[in-house]
Amino acid sequence: MSGGYKVVYDTSALLEFFQGGLQGKQVKELLEEEDVENLIPTVVLCELVSKLKRAKLDPTGFISALEENSLILNLDSNIAKEAGLLHAELKEVEPGISLVDCVIMKHAEMKMAMIISKDNHFKHYKNSKILE
């Protein structure tokens, strides 16, 4: 990936892509762009499987395609601790922010990547694109 950039996907962006919405087209373009390194945290995979299963959809094919075309970011103890600290800090100014959002932010920070999401909580991350 010479000259490219890295993108961490939030669950909301990938669901939009899966559902084929207008904003999903933007996600699809990024996922297919050759200069983009697609990064997906394991916590996003957890949320995707849960949300698709609760919607009575089979997540297997979608998850397999993501795994084949993306680098899966495992949650290690360093990111877990850093995300916990960030969560405690941001809860004071953004009460609705989730711990998963903070894990995603820390993964993106460690990889020097942009975050793609529909979630406005990511406005707290300097390099994010909120799909609207």
C-alpha atoms as a PDB file:
ATOM      1  CA  MET A   1       0.000   0.000   0.000  1.00  0.00           C
ATOM      2  CA  SER A   2       2.417   2.688  -1.103  1.00  0.00           C
ATOM      3  CA  GLY A   3       1.089   6.226  -0.849  1.00  0.00           C
ATOM      4  CA  GLY A   4      -2.234   5.046   0.586  1.00  0.00           C
ATOM      5  CA  TYR A   5      -3.996   5.609   3.852  1.00  0.00           C
ATOM      6  CA  LYS A   6      -5.583   3.585   6.619  1.00  0.00           C
ATOM      7  CA  VAL A   7      -9.267   3.501   7.542  1.00  0.00           C
ATOM      8  CA  VAL A   8     -10.827   2.026  10.682  1.00  0.00           C
ATOM      9  CA  TYR A   9     -14.512   1.214  10.201  1.00  0.00           C
ATOM     10  CA  ASP A  10     -17.088   1.609  12.932  1.00  0.00           C
ATOM     11  CA  THR A  11     -19.998  -0.817  13.123  1.00  0.00           C
ATOM     12  CA  SER A  12     -22.485   1.833  11.960  1.00  0.00           C
ATOM     13  CA  ALA A  13     -20.565   2.424   8.718  1.00  0.00           C
ATOM     14  CA  LEU A  14     -20.322  -1.274   7.920  1.00  0.00           C
ATOM     15  CA  LEU A  15     -24.022  -1.807   8.664  1.00  0.00           C
ATOM     16  CA  GLU A  16     -24.841   1.030   6.294  1.00  0.00           C
ATOM     17  CA  PHE A  17     -22.757  -0.694   3.619  1.00  0.00           C
ATOM     18  CA  PHE A  18     -24.398  -4.082   4.312  1.00  0.00           C
ATOM     19  CA  GLN A  19     -27.878  -2.557   4.099  1.00  0.00           C
ATOM     20  CA  GLY A  20     -27.056  -0.829   0.802  1.00  0.00           C
ATOM     21  CA  GLY A  21     -28.011   2.659   1.952  1.00  0.00           C
ATOM     22  CA  LEU A  22     -26.902   5.894   0.297  1.00  0.00           C
ATOM     23  CA  GLN A  23     -24.117   6.348   2.835  1.00  0.00           C
ATOM     24  CA  GLY A  24     -23.193   2.726   2.280  1.00  0.00           C
ATOM     25  CA  LYS A  25     -22.015   3.632  -1.218  1.00  0.00           C
ATOM     26  CA  GLN A  26     -19.330   5.857   0.328  1.00  0.00           C
ATOM     27  CA  VAL A  27     -18.224   2.967   2.531  1.00  0.00           C
ATOM     28  CA  LYS A  28     -18.222   0.576  -0.448  1.00  0.00           C
ATOM     29  CA  GLU A  29     -15.993   2.933  -2.429  1.00  0.00           C
ATOM     30  CA  LEU A  30     -13.496   3.089   0.432  1.00  0.00           C
ATOM     31  CA  LEU A  31     -13.537  -0.674   0.976  1.00  0.00           C
ATOM     32  CA  GLU A  32     -12.798  -1.202  -2.727  1.00  0.00           C
ATOM     33  CA  GLU A  33     -10.195   1.555  -3.120  1.00  0.00           C
ATOM     34  CA  GLU A  34      -6.754   0.072  -3.750  1.00  0.00           C
ATOM     35  CA  ASP A  35      -4.875   2.776  -1.820  1.00  0.00           C
ATOM     36  CA  VAL A  36      -6.856   2.158   1.372  1.00  0.00           C
ATOM     37  CA  GLU A  37      -5.779  -0.271   4.068  1.00  0.00           C
ATOM     38  CA  ASN A  38      -9.042  -1.453   5.627  1.00  0.00           C
ATOM     39  CA  LEU A  39      -8.825  -1.988   9.391  1.00  0.00           C
ATOM     40  CA  ILE A  40     -11.583  -3.590  11.447  1.00  0.00           C
ATOM     41  CA  PRO A  41     -11.359  -3.983  15.226  1.00  0.00           C
ATOM     42  CA  THR A  42     -12.546  -7.288  16.682  1.00  0.00           C
ATOM     43  CA  VAL A  43     -15.100  -5.384  18.795  1.00  0.00           C
ATOM     44  CA  VAL A  44     -16.676  -4.155  15.543  1.00  0.00           C
ATOM     45  CA  LEU A  45     -16.950  -7.760  14.340  1.00  0.00           C
ATOM     46  CA  CYS A  46     -18.691  -8.632  17.631  1.00  0.00           C
ATOM     47  CA  GLU A  47     -21.198  -5.819  17.222  1.00  0.00           C
ATOM     48  CA  LEU A  48     -21.824  -6.656  13.558  1.00  0.00           C
ATOM     49  CA  VAL A  49     -22.542 -10.312  14.259  1.00  0.00           C
ATOM     50  CA  SER A  50     -24.872  -9.401  17.115  1.00  0.00           C
ATOM     51  CA  LYS A  51     -26.781  -6.726  15.189  1.00  0.00           C
ATOM     52  CA  LEU A  52     -27.171  -8.819  12.044  1.00  0.00           C
ATOM     53  CA  LYS A  53     -28.233 -11.911  13.995  1.00  0.00           C
ATOM     54  CA  ARG A  54     -30.815  -9.900  15.971  1.00  0.00           C
ATOM     55  CA  ALA A  55     -32.161  -8.629  12.640  1.00  0.00           C
ATOM     56  CA  LYS A  56     -32.567 -12.306  11.615  1.00  0.00           C
ATOM     57  CA  LEU A  57     -29.808 -11.975   8.990  1.00  0.00           C
ATOM     58  CA  ASP A  58     -26.973 -14.435   8.454  1.00  0.00           C
ATOM     59  CA  PRO A  59     -23.690 -12.578   9.117  1.00  0.00           C
ATOM     60  CA  THR A  60     -21.418 -15.392   7.889  1.00  0.00           C
ATOM     61  CA  GLY A  61     -20.745 -14.274   4.304  1.00  0.00           C
ATOM     62  CA  PHE A  62     -20.403 -10.599   5.177  1.00  0.00           C
ATOM     63  CA  ILE A  63     -18.009 -11.271   8.053  1.00  0.00           C
ATOM     64  CA  SER A  64     -15.940 -13.672   5.925  1.00  0.00           C
ATOM     65  CA  ALA A  65     -15.609 -11.050   3.168  1.00  0.00           C
ATOM     66  CA  LEU A  66     -14.497  -8.439   5.693  1.00  0.00           C
ATOM     67  CA  GLU A  67     -11.941 -10.839   7.167  1.00  0.00           C
ATOM     68  CA  GLU A  68     -10.543 -11.632   3.708  1.00  0.00           C
ATOM     69  CA  ASN A  69     -10.242  -8.001   2.619  1.00  0.00           C
ATOM     70  CA  SER A  70      -9.255  -6.259   5.841  1.00  0.00           C
ATOM     71  CA  LEU A  71      -6.714  -6.349   8.592  1.00  0.00           C
ATOM     72  CA  ILE A  72      -8.498  -7.440  11.770  1.00  0.00           C
ATOM     73  CA  LEU A  73      -7.281  -5.500  14.818  1.00  0.00           C
ATOM     74  CA  ASN A  74      -7.178  -7.570  17.980  1.00  0.00           C
ATOM     75  CA  LEU A  75      -7.820  -5.970  21.334  1.00  0.00           C
ATOM     76  CA  ASP A  76      -4.652  -6.217  23.414  1.00  0.00           C
ATOM     77  CA  SER A  77      -4.058  -5.118  26.987  1.00  0.00           C
ATOM     78  CA  ASN A  78      -2.389  -1.844  25.966  1.00  0.00           C
ATOM     79  CA  ILE A  79      -5.323  -0.698  23.828  1.00  0.00           C
ATOM     80  CA  ALA A  80      -7.760  -1.935  26.481  1.00  0.00           C
ATOM     81  CA  LYS A  81      -6.095   0.197  29.177  1.00  0.00           C
ATOM     82  CA  GLU A  82      -5.797   3.249  26.924  1.00  0.00           C
ATOM     83  CA  ALA A  83      -9.433   2.917  25.815  1.00  0.00           C
ATOM     84  CA  GLY A  84     -10.557   2.650  29.449  1.00  0.00           C
ATOM     85  CA  LEU A  85      -8.725   5.862  30.327  1.00  0.00           C
ATOM     86  CA  LEU A  86     -10.167   7.650  27.292  1.00  0.00           C
ATOM     87  CA  HIS A  87     -13.668   6.409  28.129  1.00  0.00           C
ATOM     88  CA  ALA A  88     -13.431   7.736  31.684  1.00  0.00           C
ATOM     89  CA  GLU A  89     -12.240  11.107  30.362  1.00  0.00           C
ATOM     90  CA  LEU A  90     -14.815  11.469  27.570  1.00  0.00           C
ATOM     91  CA  LYS A  91     -17.781  10.319  29.697  1.00  0.00           C
ATOM     92  CA  GLU A  92     -17.577  13.687  31.460  1.00  0.00           C
ATOM     93  CA  VAL A  93     -18.235  15.621  28.231  1.00  0.00           C
ATOM     94  CA  GLU A  94     -20.059  12.965  26.177  1.00  0.00           C
ATOM     95  CA  PRO A  95     -22.214  10.852  28.526  1.00  0.00           C
ATOM     96  CA  GLY A  96     -23.495   8.594  25.726  1.00  0.00           C
ATOM     97  CA  ILE A  97     -20.092   7.505  24.450  1.00  0.00           C
ATOM     98  CA  SER A  98     -19.506   3.772  24.640  1.00  0.00           C
ATOM     99  CA  LEU A  99     -16.431   1.861  25.654  1.00  0.00           C
ATOM    100  CA  VAL A 100     -16.462   0.231  22.204  1.00  0.00           C
ATOM    101  CA  ASP A 101     -16.235   3.706  20.613  1.00  0.00           C
ATOM    102  CA  CYS A 102     -13.154   4.410  22.719  1.00  0.00           C
ATOM    103  CA  VAL A 103     -11.572   1.077  21.743  1.00  0.00           C
ATOM    104  CA  ILE A 104     -12.116   2.001  18.082  1.00  0.00           C
ATOM    105  CA  MET A 105     -10.578   5.440  18.638  1.00  0.00           C
ATOM    106  CA  LYS A 106      -7.503   3.940  20.294  1.00  0.00           C
ATOM    107  CA  HIS A 107      -7.063   1.389  17.499  1.00  0.00           C
ATOM    108  CA  ALA A 108      -7.246   4.219  14.952  1.00  0.00           C
ATOM    109  CA  GLU A 109      -4.798   6.337  16.927  1.00  0.00           C
ATOM    110  CA  MET A 110      -2.282   3.485  17.197  1.00  0.00           C
ATOM    111  CA  LYS A 111      -2.531   2.798  13.441  1.00  0.00           C
ATOM    112  CA  MET A 112      -2.608   6.516  12.497  1.00  0.00           C
ATOM    113  CA  ALA A 113      -5.866   5.874  10.672  1.00  0.00           C
ATOM    114  CA  MET A 114      -9.055   7.719   9.850  1.00  0.00           C
ATOM    115  CA  ILE A 115     -12.346   6.512  11.380  1.00  0.00           C
ATOM    116  CA  ILE A 116     -15.471   6.147   9.223  1.00  0.00           C
ATOM    117  CA  SER A 117     -18.749   6.144  11.144  1.00  0.00           C
ATOM    118  CA  LYS A 118     -22.314   7.408  11.336  1.00  0.00           C
ATOM    119  CA  ASP A 119     -21.799   7.964  15.066  1.00  0.00           C
ATOM    120  CA  ASN A 120     -21.290  11.590  16.144  1.00  0.00           C
ATOM    121  CA  HIS A 121     -19.310  10.445  19.191  1.00  0.00           C
ATOM    122  CA  PHE A 122     -16.324  10.153  16.879  1.00  0.00           C
ATOM    123  CA  LYS A 123     -16.145  13.932  16.611  1.00  0.00           C
ATOM    124  CA  HIS A 124     -13.774  13.540  19.576  1.00  0.00           C
ATOM    125  CA  TYR A 125     -11.251  11.810  17.301  1.00  0.00           C
ATOM    126  CA  LYS A 126      -9.196  14.235  15.236  1.00  0.00           C
ATOM    127  CA  ASN A 127      -9.271  12.214  12.018  1.00  0.00           C
ATOM    128  CA  SER A 128     -12.822  10.997  11.535  1.00  0.00           C
ATOM    129  CA  LYS A 129     -15.414  11.174   8.789  1.00  0.00           C
ATOM    130  CA  ILE A 130     -18.986  11.140  10.008  1.00  0.00           C
ATOM    131  CA  LEU A 131     -21.329   9.825   7.311  1.00  0.00           C
ATOM    132  CA  GLU A 132     -24.386  12.008   6.899  1.00  0.00           C
END
